[in-house]
């Protein structure tokens, strides 16, 4: 699977991409991640943004450099999903991530910054407007990373064992490991007895209860 990230700050994603499951997925060639900086497609690399029409604070990223970056990422590919990250977009979830992983090999993620990207980009391309939550972030780099991580987990072979997908099994909001008991400030903290019982049905019921099911 190929992720094409349109961003002014590609290095902002470096640390996370070089850790854990994602770095293994990249080394195993399960996924590829490419960056396209709108500055490289602008007439003046220092001037990729301008003041918004109609007034208002901050600067807006110009449409043309972003459009050219998306065109470069898209190339001659026929089936590409283009995602436009926006606070007013549709809520991102595992259902959407699974759908993308099953139906697309190439995903273009447009990450804004400052006051956002000229809305005409969305009119040029057919995009999905997506948000990761009901809050505002400084830029689209963190949301892009959330999308990459979540979608990558859905790609077959990434986790090795499909049971590792929490959403495909009965997972608990509470998890425990060894030791069975320890003391902290004169109080004993123990693993719930049901988890030590070996009774699978009772354990599953306990997990459901903890999840409010």
N, C-alpha and C. Protein backbone atom coordinates (compact mmCIF):
# COMPACT_ATOMS: atom_id res chain seq x y z
N UNK A 1 0.84 -1.19 0.00
CA UNK A 1 0.00 0.00 0.00
C UNK A 1 0.88 1.24 0.00
N UNK A 2 0.48 2.24 -0.76
CA UNK A 2 1.29 3.45 -0.91
C UNK A 2 0.55 4.67 -0.35
N UNK A 3 1.20 5.35 0.58
CA UNK A 3 0.67 6.59 1.13
C UNK A 3 1.45 7.76 0.55
N UNK A 4 0.74 8.72 -0.01
CA UNK A 4 1.34 9.92 -0.59
C UNK A 4 0.89 11.11 0.26
N UNK A 5 1.82 11.74 0.96
CA UNK A 5 1.47 12.79 1.91
C UNK A 5 1.85 14.16 1.35
N UNK A 6 0.85 15.02 1.24
CA UNK A 6 1.08 16.40 0.80
C UNK A 6 1.22 17.26 2.05
N UNK A 7 2.41 17.79 2.29
CA UNK A 7 2.63 18.57 3.52
C UNK A 7 3.80 19.53 3.36
N UNK A 8 3.71 20.64 4.04
CA UNK A 8 4.81 21.61 4.07
C UNK A 8 5.91 21.18 5.04
N UNK A 9 5.58 20.23 5.93
CA UNK A 9 6.53 19.84 6.97
C UNK A 9 6.68 18.32 7.04
N UNK A 10 7.28 17.71 6.03
CA UNK A 10 7.43 16.24 6.01
C UNK A 10 8.24 15.68 7.16
N UNK A 11 9.21 16.43 7.66
CA UNK A 11 10.06 15.93 8.74
C UNK A 11 9.28 15.78 10.05
N UNK A 12 8.10 16.40 10.14
CA UNK A 12 7.29 16.32 11.36
C UNK A 12 6.83 14.89 11.63
N UNK A 13 6.84 14.03 10.60
CA UNK A 13 6.37 12.66 10.76
C UNK A 13 7.51 11.65 10.95
N UNK A 14 8.74 12.13 10.88
CA UNK A 14 9.90 11.23 10.89
C UNK A 14 9.96 10.31 12.10
N UNK A 15 9.83 10.86 13.29
CA UNK A 15 10.05 10.07 14.50
C UNK A 15 9.09 8.90 14.60
N UNK A 16 7.83 9.13 14.31
CA UNK A 16 6.84 8.06 14.44
C UNK A 16 7.01 7.00 13.36
N UNK A 17 7.38 7.44 12.16
CA UNK A 17 7.55 6.49 11.05
C UNK A 17 8.77 5.58 11.24
N UNK A 18 9.65 5.97 12.14
CA UNK A 18 10.87 5.20 12.36
C UNK A 18 10.78 4.32 13.61
N UNK A 19 9.56 4.04 14.04
CA UNK A 19 9.38 3.23 15.24
C UNK A 19 8.36 2.11 15.01
N UNK A 20 8.48 1.06 15.78
CA UNK A 20 7.47 0.02 15.95
C UNK A 20 6.97 -0.61 14.66
N UNK A 21 5.65 -0.81 14.59
CA UNK A 21 5.03 -1.55 13.49
C UNK A 21 5.24 -0.87 12.15
N UNK A 22 5.18 0.46 12.13
CA UNK A 22 5.29 1.17 10.86
C UNK A 22 6.67 1.01 10.22
N UNK A 23 7.72 1.11 11.01
CA UNK A 23 9.05 0.98 10.43
C UNK A 23 9.27 -0.44 9.91
N UNK A 24 8.69 -1.44 10.59
CA UNK A 24 8.80 -2.82 10.10
C UNK A 24 8.01 -3.00 8.80
N UNK A 25 6.85 -2.38 8.76
CA UNK A 25 6.02 -2.47 7.55
C UNK A 25 6.73 -1.84 6.35
N UNK A 26 7.44 -0.76 6.60
CA UNK A 26 8.19 -0.09 5.53
C UNK A 26 9.37 -0.95 5.09
N UNK A 27 10.12 -1.49 6.06
CA UNK A 27 11.28 -2.34 5.74
C UNK A 27 10.86 -3.61 5.02
N UNK A 28 9.70 -4.16 5.39
CA UNK A 28 9.19 -5.38 4.74
C UNK A 28 8.48 -5.09 3.43
N UNK A 29 8.45 -3.81 3.05
CA UNK A 29 7.83 -3.36 1.80
C UNK A 29 6.33 -3.67 1.74
N UNK A 30 5.70 -3.67 2.92
CA UNK A 30 4.25 -3.82 2.98
C UNK A 30 3.57 -2.49 2.66
N UNK A 31 4.24 -1.41 3.05
CA UNK A 31 3.74 -0.07 2.73
C UNK A 31 4.89 0.81 2.25
N UNK A 32 4.54 1.84 1.51
CA UNK A 32 5.50 2.86 1.10
C UNK A 32 4.91 4.21 1.46
N UNK A 33 5.75 5.12 1.90
CA UNK A 33 5.30 6.46 2.24
C UNK A 33 6.16 7.48 1.50
N UNK A 34 5.50 8.33 0.73
CA UNK A 34 6.20 9.36 -0.04
C UNK A 34 5.64 10.73 0.34
N UNK A 35 6.52 11.72 0.33
CA UNK A 35 6.13 13.08 0.69
C UNK A 35 6.23 14.00 -0.52
N UNK A 36 5.30 14.94 -0.57
CA UNK A 36 5.28 15.93 -1.64
C UNK A 36 5.06 17.29 -0.99
N UNK A 37 6.09 18.12 -1.06
CA UNK A 37 6.04 19.44 -0.43
C UNK A 37 5.55 20.47 -1.44
N UNK A 38 4.43 21.14 -1.16
CA UNK A 38 3.92 22.16 -2.09
C UNK A 38 4.95 23.22 -2.46
N UNK A 39 5.92 23.45 -1.57
CA UNK A 39 6.96 24.44 -1.87
C UNK A 39 7.74 24.06 -3.14
N UNK A 40 7.88 22.75 -3.36
CA UNK A 40 8.62 22.28 -4.54
C UNK A 40 7.85 22.49 -5.83
N UNK A 41 6.58 22.86 -5.71
CA UNK A 41 5.74 23.04 -6.89
C UNK A 41 5.27 24.49 -7.04
N UNK A 42 5.86 25.37 -6.23
CA UNK A 42 5.48 26.79 -6.26
C UNK A 42 6.50 27.60 -7.05
N UNK A 43 6.05 28.66 -7.67
CA UNK A 43 6.96 29.55 -8.42
C UNK A 43 7.96 30.19 -7.47
N UNK A 44 7.47 30.54 -6.29
CA UNK A 44 8.32 31.10 -5.25
C UNK A 44 8.20 30.21 -4.01
N UNK A 45 9.25 29.42 -3.72
CA UNK A 45 9.19 28.44 -2.63
C UNK A 45 8.91 29.07 -1.28
N UNK A 46 9.23 30.34 -1.13
CA UNK A 46 9.01 31.02 0.14
C UNK A 46 7.59 31.58 0.24
N UNK A 47 6.87 31.55 -0.86
CA UNK A 47 5.55 32.15 -0.87
C UNK A 47 4.50 31.15 -1.33
N UNK A 48 4.15 30.22 -0.45
CA UNK A 48 3.13 29.23 -0.78
C UNK A 48 1.80 29.55 -0.10
N UNK A 49 1.77 30.66 0.63
CA UNK A 49 0.54 31.05 1.30
C UNK A 49 0.28 32.55 1.11
N UNK A 50 -0.93 32.95 1.42
CA UNK A 50 -1.31 34.36 1.29
C UNK A 50 -2.48 34.65 2.22
N UNK A 51 -2.79 35.93 2.35
CA UNK A 51 -3.89 36.33 3.23
C UNK A 51 -5.23 35.90 2.63
N UNK A 52 -6.18 35.54 3.50
CA UNK A 52 -7.48 35.06 3.00
C UNK A 52 -8.35 36.18 2.44
N UNK A 53 -9.03 35.87 1.34
CA UNK A 53 -10.03 36.80 0.82
C UNK A 53 -11.16 36.91 1.83
N UNK A 54 -11.72 38.09 1.96
CA UNK A 54 -12.81 38.30 2.91
C UNK A 54 -12.32 38.64 4.30
N UNK A 55 -11.00 38.68 4.46
CA UNK A 55 -10.43 39.03 5.75
C UNK A 55 -10.32 37.86 6.71
N UNK A 56 -9.74 38.13 7.83
CA UNK A 56 -9.55 37.09 8.83
C UNK A 56 -8.08 36.94 9.18
N UNK A 57 -7.80 36.25 10.29
CA UNK A 57 -6.41 36.09 10.75
C UNK A 57 -5.67 35.02 9.98
N UNK A 58 -4.37 35.04 10.10
CA UNK A 58 -3.54 33.96 9.55
C UNK A 58 -3.40 33.98 8.05
N UNK A 59 -2.77 32.91 7.55
CA UNK A 59 -2.48 32.77 6.13
C UNK A 59 -3.10 31.48 5.61
N UNK A 60 -3.44 31.48 4.31
CA UNK A 60 -4.04 30.32 3.66
C UNK A 60 -3.08 29.78 2.61
N UNK A 61 -2.89 28.48 2.59
CA UNK A 61 -2.01 27.86 1.60
C UNK A 61 -2.65 27.94 0.22
N UNK A 62 -1.90 28.36 -0.75
CA UNK A 62 -2.41 28.55 -2.11
C UNK A 62 -2.80 27.22 -2.75
N UNK A 63 -3.78 27.30 -3.63
CA UNK A 63 -4.31 26.08 -4.27
C UNK A 63 -3.35 25.48 -5.29
N UNK A 64 -2.74 26.30 -6.13
CA UNK A 64 -1.98 25.77 -7.27
C UNK A 64 -0.80 24.87 -6.89
N UNK A 65 0.03 25.25 -5.90
CA UNK A 65 1.13 24.34 -5.52
C UNK A 65 0.62 23.00 -4.98
N UNK A 66 -0.49 23.04 -4.25
CA UNK A 66 -1.06 21.80 -3.70
C UNK A 66 -1.62 20.94 -4.83
N UNK A 67 -2.30 21.56 -5.78
CA UNK A 67 -2.86 20.83 -6.92
C UNK A 67 -1.75 20.14 -7.71
N UNK A 68 -0.67 20.85 -7.93
CA UNK A 68 0.46 20.27 -8.67
C UNK A 68 1.09 19.11 -7.89
N UNK A 69 1.15 19.25 -6.58
CA UNK A 69 1.71 18.18 -5.74
C UNK A 69 0.83 16.94 -5.80
N UNK A 70 -0.49 17.14 -5.75
CA UNK A 70 -1.42 16.02 -5.85
C UNK A 70 -1.32 15.36 -7.22
N UNK A 71 -1.20 16.16 -8.27
CA UNK A 71 -1.05 15.61 -9.63
C UNK A 71 0.19 14.75 -9.73
N UNK A 72 1.27 15.21 -9.11
CA UNK A 72 2.52 14.44 -9.11
C UNK A 72 2.33 13.12 -8.38
N UNK A 73 1.66 13.16 -7.24
CA UNK A 73 1.42 11.95 -6.46
C UNK A 73 0.51 10.98 -7.20
N UNK A 74 -0.47 11.52 -7.83
CA UNK A 74 -1.45 10.68 -8.54
C UNK A 74 -0.88 10.05 -9.79
N UNK A 75 -0.09 10.81 -10.54
CA UNK A 75 0.50 10.29 -11.77
C UNK A 75 -0.58 9.78 -12.73
N UNK A 76 -0.36 8.60 -13.24
CA UNK A 76 -1.32 7.99 -14.17
C UNK A 76 -2.18 6.93 -13.51
N UNK A 77 -2.11 6.88 -12.19
CA UNK A 77 -2.91 5.89 -11.46
C UNK A 77 -4.40 6.15 -11.65
N UNK A 78 -5.16 5.11 -11.90
CA UNK A 78 -6.59 5.24 -12.15
C UNK A 78 -7.42 5.24 -10.88
N UNK A 79 -7.00 4.43 -9.91
CA UNK A 79 -7.79 4.28 -8.69
C UNK A 79 -6.98 4.80 -7.49
N UNK A 80 -7.30 6.01 -7.09
CA UNK A 80 -6.59 6.65 -5.98
C UNK A 80 -7.61 7.30 -5.05
N UNK A 81 -7.45 7.11 -3.76
CA UNK A 81 -8.30 7.79 -2.78
C UNK A 81 -7.57 9.05 -2.31
N UNK A 82 -8.23 10.20 -2.46
CA UNK A 82 -7.64 11.47 -2.04
C UNK A 82 -8.39 11.96 -0.80
N UNK A 83 -7.66 12.12 0.28
CA UNK A 83 -8.25 12.53 1.56
C UNK A 83 -7.80 13.95 1.89
N UNK A 84 -8.75 14.81 2.16
CA UNK A 84 -8.50 16.20 2.53
C UNK A 84 -8.77 16.35 4.02
N UNK A 85 -7.73 16.56 4.79
CA UNK A 85 -7.90 16.67 6.24
C UNK A 85 -8.50 18.02 6.61
N UNK A 86 -9.61 17.97 7.34
CA UNK A 86 -10.32 19.20 7.67
C UNK A 86 -11.06 19.03 9.00
N UNK A 87 -11.02 20.05 9.88
CA UNK A 87 -11.74 19.97 11.16
C UNK A 87 -13.25 19.77 10.97
N UNK A 88 -13.77 20.17 9.82
CA UNK A 88 -15.21 20.05 9.56
C UNK A 88 -15.56 18.80 8.77
N UNK A 89 -14.58 17.91 8.59
CA UNK A 89 -14.80 16.71 7.81
C UNK A 89 -15.54 15.61 8.55
N UNK A 90 -15.73 14.48 7.89
CA UNK A 90 -16.38 13.32 8.48
C UNK A 90 -15.45 12.67 9.49
N UNK A 91 -16.02 12.20 10.58
CA UNK A 91 -15.23 11.57 11.65
C UNK A 91 -14.54 10.30 11.15
N UNK A 92 -13.24 10.25 11.30
CA UNK A 92 -12.45 9.07 10.93
C UNK A 92 -12.65 7.96 11.94
N UNK A 93 -12.79 6.71 11.46
CA UNK A 93 -12.93 5.58 12.37
C UNK A 93 -12.39 4.31 11.72
N UNK A 94 -12.44 3.20 12.46
CA UNK A 94 -11.90 1.93 11.96
C UNK A 94 -12.67 1.39 10.75
N UNK A 95 -13.95 1.68 10.69
CA UNK A 95 -14.75 1.23 9.55
C UNK A 95 -14.24 1.86 8.26
N UNK A 96 -13.98 3.16 8.31
CA UNK A 96 -13.44 3.87 7.15
C UNK A 96 -12.04 3.36 6.81
N UNK A 97 -11.20 3.16 7.84
CA UNK A 97 -9.84 2.68 7.63
C UNK A 97 -9.83 1.32 6.94
N UNK A 98 -10.70 0.43 7.40
CA UNK A 98 -10.79 -0.91 6.80
C UNK A 98 -11.24 -0.84 5.36
N UNK A 99 -12.19 0.02 5.08
CA UNK A 99 -12.69 0.19 3.72
C UNK A 99 -11.58 0.67 2.78
N UNK A 100 -10.80 1.62 3.26
CA UNK A 100 -9.70 2.14 2.45
C UNK A 100 -8.65 1.06 2.19
N UNK A 101 -8.29 0.32 3.24
CA UNK A 101 -7.25 -0.71 3.10
C UNK A 101 -7.65 -1.81 2.13
N UNK A 102 -8.95 -2.10 2.04
CA UNK A 102 -9.44 -3.17 1.18
C UNK A 102 -9.59 -2.73 -0.27
N UNK A 103 -9.89 -1.45 -0.48
CA UNK A 103 -10.27 -1.00 -1.82
C UNK A 103 -9.24 -0.16 -2.56
N UNK A 104 -8.19 0.28 -1.85
CA UNK A 104 -7.21 1.17 -2.49
C UNK A 104 -5.78 0.76 -2.17
N UNK A 105 -4.93 0.86 -3.18
CA UNK A 105 -3.49 0.64 -2.98
C UNK A 105 -2.75 1.96 -2.85
N UNK A 106 -3.38 3.03 -3.33
CA UNK A 106 -2.75 4.35 -3.27
C UNK A 106 -3.68 5.34 -2.57
N UNK A 107 -3.17 5.98 -1.53
CA UNK A 107 -3.93 6.96 -0.77
C UNK A 107 -3.14 8.26 -0.70
N UNK A 108 -3.77 9.33 -1.14
CA UNK A 108 -3.14 10.66 -1.06
C UNK A 108 -3.79 11.41 0.10
N UNK A 109 -2.97 11.89 1.03
CA UNK A 109 -3.47 12.62 2.18
C UNK A 109 -2.98 14.06 2.10
N UNK A 110 -3.91 15.00 2.04
CA UNK A 110 -3.57 16.42 1.94
C UNK A 110 -3.61 17.04 3.33
N UNK A 111 -2.44 17.45 3.82
CA UNK A 111 -2.31 17.99 5.17
C UNK A 111 -2.16 19.50 5.12
N UNK A 112 -3.09 20.20 5.71
CA UNK A 112 -3.03 21.66 5.73
C UNK A 112 -2.20 22.18 6.88
N UNK A 113 -2.08 23.49 6.92
CA UNK A 113 -1.37 24.16 8.00
C UNK A 113 -1.87 25.61 8.04
N UNK A 114 -1.41 26.36 9.01
CA UNK A 114 -1.84 27.75 9.17
C UNK A 114 -3.37 27.79 9.27
N UNK A 115 -4.02 28.62 8.41
CA UNK A 115 -5.49 28.71 8.44
C UNK A 115 -6.15 27.73 7.48
N UNK A 116 -5.35 26.85 6.88
CA UNK A 116 -5.91 25.86 5.98
C UNK A 116 -5.44 26.02 4.55
N UNK A 117 -6.09 25.27 3.64
CA UNK A 117 -5.74 25.25 2.22
C UNK A 117 -6.91 25.83 1.43
N UNK A 118 -6.59 26.59 0.40
CA UNK A 118 -7.59 27.14 -0.51
C UNK A 118 -8.60 26.05 -0.90
N UNK A 119 -9.88 26.30 -0.66
CA UNK A 119 -10.93 25.29 -0.85
C UNK A 119 -11.08 24.83 -2.28
N UNK A 120 -10.50 25.56 -3.24
CA UNK A 120 -10.62 25.16 -4.64
C UNK A 120 -9.90 23.85 -4.95
N UNK A 121 -8.98 23.44 -4.05
CA UNK A 121 -8.31 22.14 -4.22
C UNK A 121 -9.35 21.02 -4.20
N UNK A 122 -10.33 21.15 -3.31
CA UNK A 122 -11.38 20.13 -3.19
C UNK A 122 -12.32 20.13 -4.39
N UNK A 123 -12.38 21.25 -5.10
CA UNK A 123 -13.23 21.34 -6.29
C UNK A 123 -12.53 20.76 -7.52
N UNK A 124 -11.21 20.80 -7.50
CA UNK A 124 -10.44 20.23 -8.61
C UNK A 124 -10.43 18.70 -8.53
N UNK A 125 -10.27 18.19 -7.32
CA UNK A 125 -10.20 16.74 -7.11
C UNK A 125 -11.42 16.27 -6.30
N UNK A 126 -11.81 15.03 -6.52
CA UNK A 126 -12.86 14.42 -5.71
C UNK A 126 -12.20 13.91 -4.43
N UNK A 127 -12.43 14.59 -3.33
CA UNK A 127 -11.76 14.23 -2.08
C UNK A 127 -12.76 13.81 -1.01
N UNK A 128 -12.27 13.04 -0.05
CA UNK A 128 -13.02 12.76 1.17
C UNK A 128 -12.54 13.74 2.23
N UNK A 129 -13.45 14.55 2.78
CA UNK A 129 -13.08 15.44 3.89
C UNK A 129 -13.15 14.65 5.18
N UNK A 130 -12.01 14.56 5.87
CA UNK A 130 -11.90 13.72 7.06
C UNK A 130 -11.32 14.50 8.23
N UNK A 131 -11.86 14.25 9.42
CA UNK A 131 -11.30 14.79 10.66
C UNK A 131 -11.03 13.64 11.62
N UNK A 132 -10.06 13.80 12.51
CA UNK A 132 -9.78 12.74 13.49
C UNK A 132 -10.46 13.02 14.83
N UNK A 133 -11.12 14.17 14.94
CA UNK A 133 -11.79 14.45 16.20
C UNK A 133 -12.35 15.86 16.27
N UNK A 134 -13.19 16.13 17.27
CA UNK A 134 -13.83 17.43 17.42
C UNK A 134 -12.92 18.45 18.09
N UNK A 135 -11.79 18.72 17.48
CA UNK A 135 -10.86 19.70 18.04
C UNK A 135 -9.98 20.22 16.90
N UNK A 136 -9.26 21.29 17.17
CA UNK A 136 -8.43 21.93 16.15
C UNK A 136 -6.96 21.72 16.50
N UNK A 137 -6.18 21.27 15.52
CA UNK A 137 -4.73 21.11 15.69
C UNK A 137 -4.00 22.18 14.88
N UNK A 138 -2.72 22.36 15.18
CA UNK A 138 -1.92 23.36 14.48
C UNK A 138 -1.78 23.03 13.00
N UNK A 139 -1.68 21.75 12.68
CA UNK A 139 -1.52 21.35 11.29
C UNK A 139 -2.05 19.96 11.05
N UNK A 140 -1.96 19.52 9.80
CA UNK A 140 -2.50 18.22 9.42
C UNK A 140 -1.54 17.06 9.54
N UNK A 141 -0.34 17.31 10.04
CA UNK A 141 0.66 16.25 10.11
C UNK A 141 0.28 15.15 11.10
N UNK A 142 -0.17 15.54 12.28
CA UNK A 142 -0.60 14.53 13.27
C UNK A 142 -1.80 13.72 12.77
N UNK A 143 -2.84 14.37 12.24
CA UNK A 143 -3.95 13.60 11.68
C UNK A 143 -3.50 12.65 10.56
N UNK A 144 -2.58 13.10 9.72
CA UNK A 144 -2.07 12.23 8.66
C UNK A 144 -1.42 11.00 9.24
N UNK A 145 -0.69 11.18 10.33
CA UNK A 145 -0.02 10.06 10.98
C UNK A 145 -1.02 9.10 11.59
N UNK A 146 -2.10 9.64 12.15
CA UNK A 146 -3.17 8.81 12.71
C UNK A 146 -3.79 7.95 11.61
N UNK A 147 -4.05 8.55 10.47
CA UNK A 147 -4.64 7.81 9.34
C UNK A 147 -3.70 6.71 8.86
N UNK A 148 -2.42 7.04 8.70
CA UNK A 148 -1.45 6.05 8.22
C UNK A 148 -1.38 4.87 9.18
N UNK A 149 -1.28 5.16 10.47
CA UNK A 149 -1.18 4.11 11.48
C UNK A 149 -2.41 3.22 11.46
N UNK A 150 -3.59 3.84 11.49
CA UNK A 150 -4.84 3.08 11.59
C UNK A 150 -5.11 2.25 10.34
N UNK A 151 -4.87 2.82 9.17
CA UNK A 151 -5.10 2.10 7.91
C UNK A 151 -4.07 0.99 7.74
N UNK A 152 -2.82 1.27 8.11
CA UNK A 152 -1.76 0.27 7.98
C UNK A 152 -2.07 -0.98 8.79
N UNK A 153 -2.63 -0.81 9.99
CA UNK A 153 -2.97 -1.95 10.84
C UNK A 153 -3.98 -2.88 10.18
N UNK A 154 -4.76 -2.33 9.24
CA UNK A 154 -5.78 -3.12 8.57
C UNK A 154 -5.24 -3.89 7.37
N UNK A 155 -4.03 -3.56 6.95
CA UNK A 155 -3.44 -4.23 5.79
C UNK A 155 -3.00 -5.64 6.17
N UNK A 156 -3.41 -6.61 5.39
CA UNK A 156 -3.13 -8.01 5.70
C UNK A 156 -1.63 -8.27 5.80
N UNK A 157 -1.23 -8.94 6.87
CA UNK A 157 0.17 -9.30 7.06
C UNK A 157 0.97 -8.32 7.88
N UNK A 158 0.41 -7.13 8.13
CA UNK A 158 1.16 -6.11 8.88
C UNK A 158 1.36 -6.53 10.34
N UNK A 159 0.30 -7.00 10.98
CA UNK A 159 0.39 -7.38 12.40
C UNK A 159 0.81 -8.83 12.60
N UNK A 160 0.88 -9.58 11.50
CA UNK A 160 1.28 -10.98 11.60
C UNK A 160 0.12 -11.87 11.98
N UNK A 161 -0.53 -11.58 13.09
CA UNK A 161 -1.67 -12.35 13.57
C UNK A 161 -2.90 -11.46 13.55
N UNK A 162 -3.93 -11.86 12.79
CA UNK A 162 -5.13 -11.04 12.66
C UNK A 162 -5.83 -10.82 14.00
N UNK A 163 -5.57 -11.72 14.97
CA UNK A 163 -6.18 -11.55 16.29
C UNK A 163 -5.61 -10.35 17.03
N UNK A 164 -4.49 -9.81 16.50
CA UNK A 164 -3.91 -8.62 17.12
C UNK A 164 -4.76 -7.39 16.89
N UNK A 165 -5.69 -7.46 15.93
CA UNK A 165 -6.60 -6.35 15.71
C UNK A 165 -7.63 -6.31 16.84
N UNK A 166 -7.51 -5.34 17.72
CA UNK A 166 -8.40 -5.25 18.86
C UNK A 166 -9.86 -5.20 18.45
N UNK A 167 -10.14 -4.49 17.33
CA UNK A 167 -11.52 -4.32 16.92
C UNK A 167 -12.16 -5.59 16.37
N UNK A 168 -11.32 -6.63 16.09
CA UNK A 168 -11.86 -7.87 15.53
C UNK A 168 -12.03 -8.95 16.59
N UNK A 169 -11.75 -8.61 17.85
CA UNK A 169 -11.92 -9.58 18.93
C UNK A 169 -12.53 -8.86 20.13
N UNK A 170 -12.79 -9.63 21.17
CA UNK A 170 -13.34 -9.01 22.38
C UNK A 170 -12.18 -8.51 23.23
N UNK A 171 -11.92 -7.24 23.12
CA UNK A 171 -10.83 -6.66 23.90
C UNK A 171 -11.42 -5.99 25.13
N UNK A 172 -10.61 -5.86 26.15
CA UNK A 172 -11.07 -5.25 27.38
C UNK A 172 -10.44 -3.88 27.55
N UNK A 173 -11.18 -2.99 28.20
CA UNK A 173 -10.64 -1.68 28.52
C UNK A 173 -9.60 -1.77 29.62
N UNK A 174 -9.55 -2.94 30.29
CA UNK A 174 -8.55 -3.19 31.33
C UNK A 174 -7.74 -4.43 30.96
N UNK A 175 -6.42 -4.31 31.00
CA UNK A 175 -5.54 -5.45 30.73
C UNK A 175 -4.54 -5.60 31.87
N UNK A 176 -4.07 -6.83 32.10
CA UNK A 176 -3.17 -7.13 33.21
C UNK A 176 -2.09 -8.10 32.75
N UNK A 177 -0.94 -8.06 33.43
CA UNK A 177 0.12 -9.03 33.18
C UNK A 177 0.84 -9.32 34.50
N UNK A 178 1.91 -10.07 34.46
CA UNK A 178 2.64 -10.46 35.67
C UNK A 178 3.32 -9.25 36.32
N UNK A 179 3.45 -9.25 37.66
CA UNK A 179 3.09 -10.31 38.61
C UNK A 179 1.59 -10.29 38.93
N UNK A 180 1.12 -11.35 39.54
CA UNK A 180 -0.30 -11.44 39.89
C UNK A 180 -0.68 -10.46 40.98
N UNK A 181 0.32 -10.07 41.80
CA UNK A 181 0.04 -9.15 42.90
C UNK A 181 1.28 -8.33 43.21
N UNK A 182 1.07 -7.07 43.56
CA UNK A 182 2.17 -6.25 44.06
C UNK A 182 1.63 -5.24 45.06
N UNK A 183 2.52 -4.70 45.88
CA UNK A 183 2.11 -3.76 46.92
C UNK A 183 2.64 -2.37 46.59
N UNK A 184 1.77 -1.39 46.80
CA UNK A 184 2.16 0.01 46.61
C UNK A 184 1.53 0.83 47.73
N UNK A 185 2.38 1.48 48.53
CA UNK A 185 1.93 2.28 49.67
C UNK A 185 1.01 1.48 50.59
N UNK A 186 1.49 0.31 50.96
CA UNK A 186 0.80 -0.57 51.91
C UNK A 186 -0.54 -1.13 51.41
N UNK A 187 -0.76 -1.04 50.12
CA UNK A 187 -2.00 -1.60 49.56
C UNK A 187 -1.66 -2.63 48.50
N UNK A 188 -2.35 -3.78 48.54
CA UNK A 188 -2.13 -4.84 47.56
C UNK A 188 -2.98 -4.61 46.31
N UNK A 189 -2.35 -4.77 45.17
CA UNK A 189 -3.03 -4.64 43.88
C UNK A 189 -2.94 -5.99 43.17
N UNK A 190 -4.11 -6.62 42.96
CA UNK A 190 -4.15 -7.97 42.40
C UNK A 190 -4.84 -8.02 41.04
N UNK A 191 -4.46 -9.02 40.27
CA UNK A 191 -5.15 -9.30 39.01
C UNK A 191 -6.51 -9.89 39.34
N UNK A 192 -7.59 -9.46 38.63
CA UNK A 192 -8.91 -10.05 38.89
C UNK A 192 -8.88 -11.57 38.79
N UNK A 193 -9.51 -12.22 39.76
CA UNK A 193 -9.46 -13.69 39.84
C UNK A 193 -9.95 -14.37 38.57
N UNK A 194 -10.95 -13.79 37.92
CA UNK A 194 -11.53 -14.43 36.73
C UNK A 194 -10.49 -14.61 35.62
N UNK A 195 -9.52 -13.70 35.55
CA UNK A 195 -8.50 -13.79 34.50
C UNK A 195 -7.50 -14.90 34.78
N UNK A 196 -7.47 -15.37 36.01
CA UNK A 196 -6.56 -16.44 36.40
C UNK A 196 -7.27 -17.80 36.45
N UNK A 197 -8.58 -17.77 36.18
CA UNK A 197 -9.39 -18.98 36.38
C UNK A 197 -9.24 -20.01 35.26
N UNK A 198 -8.94 -19.55 34.04
CA UNK A 198 -8.86 -20.47 32.91
C UNK A 198 -10.22 -20.75 32.28
N UNK A 199 -11.29 -20.16 32.82
CA UNK A 199 -12.64 -20.34 32.27
C UNK A 199 -12.87 -19.29 31.17
N UNK A 200 -12.74 -19.73 29.92
CA UNK A 200 -12.78 -18.80 28.80
C UNK A 200 -14.11 -18.06 28.67
N UNK A 201 -15.22 -18.76 28.90
CA UNK A 201 -16.52 -18.11 28.79
C UNK A 201 -16.69 -17.01 29.83
N UNK A 202 -16.24 -17.30 31.05
CA UNK A 202 -16.34 -16.30 32.11
C UNK A 202 -15.43 -15.10 31.83
N UNK A 203 -14.26 -15.39 31.26
CA UNK A 203 -13.32 -14.32 30.91
C UNK A 203 -13.92 -13.41 29.82
N UNK A 204 -14.53 -14.04 28.81
CA UNK A 204 -15.15 -13.26 27.73
C UNK A 204 -16.29 -12.40 28.27
N UNK A 205 -17.08 -12.96 29.18
CA UNK A 205 -18.17 -12.22 29.79
C UNK A 205 -17.64 -11.04 30.59
N UNK A 206 -16.53 -11.24 31.30
CA UNK A 206 -15.91 -10.18 32.08
C UNK A 206 -15.44 -9.04 31.17
N UNK A 207 -14.84 -9.42 30.03
CA UNK A 207 -14.37 -8.41 29.07
C UNK A 207 -15.54 -7.60 28.51
N UNK A 208 -16.62 -8.29 28.18
CA UNK A 208 -17.80 -7.60 27.67
C UNK A 208 -18.37 -6.64 28.69
N UNK A 209 -18.40 -7.08 29.94
CA UNK A 209 -18.91 -6.25 31.03
C UNK A 209 -18.06 -5.00 31.18
N UNK A 210 -16.74 -5.16 31.12
CA UNK A 210 -15.83 -4.03 31.25
C UNK A 210 -15.99 -3.02 30.11
N UNK A 211 -16.41 -3.54 28.94
CA UNK A 211 -16.60 -2.68 27.79
C UNK A 211 -18.01 -2.10 27.73
N UNK A 212 -18.82 -2.43 28.74
CA UNK A 212 -20.17 -1.90 28.79
C UNK A 212 -21.13 -2.60 27.87
N UNK A 213 -20.79 -3.85 27.45
CA UNK A 213 -21.68 -4.60 26.55
C UNK A 213 -22.58 -5.57 27.32
